[in-house]
Amino acid sequence: MALGVVCFGMLTVLGLLPVGLSILSGAATQTGEAHISKTMSTEVQQISLSEIATLPQKTYYYDRSGTQVATSGDAYFSASFAVNAPTLPGVPGDYATIAKTVVVTLHYPQNIAVASQKTTVFSLLAAQQSGN
């Protein structure tokens, strides 16, 4: 009888192991995405609007933890950019010369076919600092 109870308990634990590992993997990916988002937000705040305009010509690569790496071979994430004039509903005027919307698109994982990759998109607003 005791052996049956122990076997039942072990089967339950072993059955839940794949679910736990899947959740752990998803949490690691979300942590990497959050780190990249924070890093990109900080970087966009520190560069000029003219430098922001060159972002679509660049692709950045990051490892699974969200740390930037030099080559795509070491990367889990790749980040591409689109820069647009901001739209401010209800506010008249052209803000393209003093502000930009940066749309960051993360593709992951890098080691599989592009059609199978997942995508995360987030936007940042960059504005010219006063006096510049």
Protein backbone atom coordinates (compact mmCIF):
# COMPACT_ATOMS: atom_id res chain seq x y z
CA MET A 1 0.00 0.00 0.00
CA ALA A 2 2.76 2.46 0.96
CA LEU A 3 4.61 1.67 -2.25
CA GLY A 4 1.48 2.60 -4.25
CA VAL A 5 1.20 5.96 -2.45
CA VAL A 6 4.88 6.71 -3.08
CA CYS A 7 4.58 5.75 -6.77
CA PHE A 8 1.49 7.92 -7.17
CA GLY A 9 3.33 10.89 -5.60
CA MET A 10 6.41 10.39 -7.78
CA LEU A 11 4.32 10.19 -10.96
CA THR A 12 2.59 13.43 -10.03
CA VAL A 13 5.89 15.20 -9.45
CA LEU A 14 7.41 13.84 -12.67
CA GLY A 15 4.28 14.82 -14.59
CA LEU A 16 4.56 18.43 -13.42
CA LEU A 17 8.29 18.72 -14.17
CA PRO A 18 7.87 19.66 -17.90
CA VAL A 19 5.30 22.32 -16.99
CA GLY A 20 7.67 23.84 -14.43
CA LEU A 21 10.57 23.85 -16.89
CA SER A 22 8.42 25.53 -19.54
CA ILE A 23 7.38 28.25 -17.09
CA LEU A 24 11.01 28.74 -16.05
CA SER A 25 12.07 29.16 -19.69
CA GLY A 26 9.29 31.70 -20.33
CA ALA A 27 10.26 33.66 -17.23
CA ALA A 28 13.90 33.81 -18.36
CA THR A 29 12.81 35.14 -21.76
CA GLN A 30 10.56 37.79 -20.17
CA THR A 31 13.42 38.87 -17.90
CA GLY A 32 15.69 39.27 -20.94
CA GLU A 33 13.02 41.28 -22.77
CA ALA A 34 12.57 43.57 -19.75
CA HIS A 35 16.33 44.13 -19.47
CA ILE A 36 16.58 44.97 -23.19
CA SER A 37 13.61 47.35 -22.91
CA LYS A 38 15.23 49.18 -19.99
CA THR A 39 18.60 49.31 -21.75
CA MET A 40 17.08 50.66 -24.98
CA SER A 41 15.02 53.24 -23.08
CA THR A 42 18.15 54.50 -21.34
CA GLU A 43 20.14 54.56 -24.59
CA VAL A 44 17.44 56.45 -26.51
CA GLN A 45 17.28 59.07 -23.74
CA GLN A 46 21.03 59.67 -23.95
CA ILE A 47 21.49 60.14 -27.69
CA SER A 48 20.53 63.04 -29.93
CA LEU A 49 17.58 63.03 -32.33
CA SER A 50 19.98 62.94 -35.28
CA GLU A 51 21.55 59.75 -33.90
CA ILE A 52 18.09 58.29 -33.29
CA ALA A 53 17.35 58.76 -36.99
CA THR A 54 20.21 56.29 -37.78
CA LEU A 55 18.81 53.48 -35.59
CA PRO A 56 16.89 51.75 -38.43
CA GLN A 57 20.24 51.07 -40.10
CA LYS A 58 21.43 49.05 -37.08
CA THR A 59 20.63 45.67 -35.60
CA TYR A 60 21.58 44.96 -32.00
CA TYR A 61 22.10 41.47 -30.62
CA TYR A 62 21.51 40.28 -27.05
CA ASP A 63 22.01 37.05 -25.15
CA ARG A 64 19.23 35.32 -23.21
CA SER A 65 19.76 37.51 -20.14
CA GLY A 66 19.42 40.71 -22.21
CA THR A 67 23.11 41.61 -22.27
CA GLN A 68 24.33 43.03 -25.58
CA VAL A 69 26.67 40.77 -27.57
CA ALA A 70 28.82 41.59 -30.59
CA THR A 71 27.67 38.98 -33.11
CA SER A 72 24.48 37.21 -34.10
CA GLY A 73 26.15 33.85 -33.45
CA ASP A 74 26.17 34.53 -29.70
CA ALA A 75 22.69 36.07 -29.65
CA TYR A 76 19.30 34.88 -28.45
CA PHE A 77 17.50 38.16 -29.29
CA SER A 78 17.93 40.59 -32.19
CA ALA A 79 16.57 44.12 -32.03
CA SER A 80 15.58 46.15 -35.08
CA PHE A 81 14.21 49.66 -35.12
CA ALA A 82 11.76 51.94 -36.87
CA VAL A 83 11.75 55.69 -36.22
CA ASN A 84 8.59 57.71 -36.84
CA ALA A 85 7.24 61.17 -36.17
CA PRO A 86 5.08 61.06 -33.03
CA THR A 87 1.34 61.36 -33.23
CA LEU A 88 -0.26 63.34 -30.45
CA PRO A 89 -4.04 63.16 -30.87
CA GLY A 90 -5.77 66.44 -30.14
CA VAL A 91 -2.53 68.44 -30.10
CA PRO A 92 -2.02 70.65 -33.15
CA GLY A 93 1.42 71.11 -34.65
CA ASP A 94 4.29 69.20 -36.21
CA TYR A 95 6.51 67.61 -33.61
CA ALA A 96 8.77 65.70 -36.01
CA THR A 97 11.68 68.10 -35.47
CA ILE A 98 11.62 67.88 -31.67
CA ALA A 99 10.42 64.33 -30.96
CA LYS A 100 10.56 60.82 -32.42
CA THR A 101 8.81 57.56 -31.72
CA VAL A 102 11.21 54.61 -31.72
CA VAL A 103 9.58 51.23 -32.32
CA VAL A 104 11.81 48.37 -31.17
CA THR A 105 11.12 44.88 -32.50
CA LEU A 106 12.75 41.91 -30.77
CA HIS A 107 13.02 38.60 -32.63
CA TYR A 108 13.92 35.41 -30.76
CA PRO A 109 15.40 32.82 -30.62
CA GLN A 110 18.07 33.52 -33.22
CA ASN A 111 19.08 29.90 -33.85
CA ILE A 112 15.85 28.90 -35.66
CA ALA A 113 14.20 29.80 -38.96
CA VAL A 114 12.87 33.35 -39.17
CA ALA A 115 9.32 32.12 -39.81
CA SER A 116 9.38 30.25 -36.47
CA GLN A 117 10.78 33.12 -34.39
CA LYS A 118 8.67 34.94 -31.83
CA THR A 119 8.38 38.72 -31.86
CA THR A 120 7.96 41.36 -29.17
CA VAL A 121 7.37 45.03 -30.05
CA PHE A 122 7.60 48.06 -27.78
CA SER A 123 7.71 51.81 -28.39
CA LEU A 124 9.78 54.60 -26.89
CA LEU A 125 9.25 58.35 -27.16
CA ALA A 126 12.36 60.49 -27.54
CA ALA A 127 12.18 64.28 -27.30
CA GLN A 128 14.77 66.96 -27.84
CA GLN A 129 16.09 68.27 -24.56
CA SER A 130 15.63 71.96 -23.89
CA GLY A 131 18.62 74.02 -24.92
CA ASN A 132 19.72 71.56 -27.65
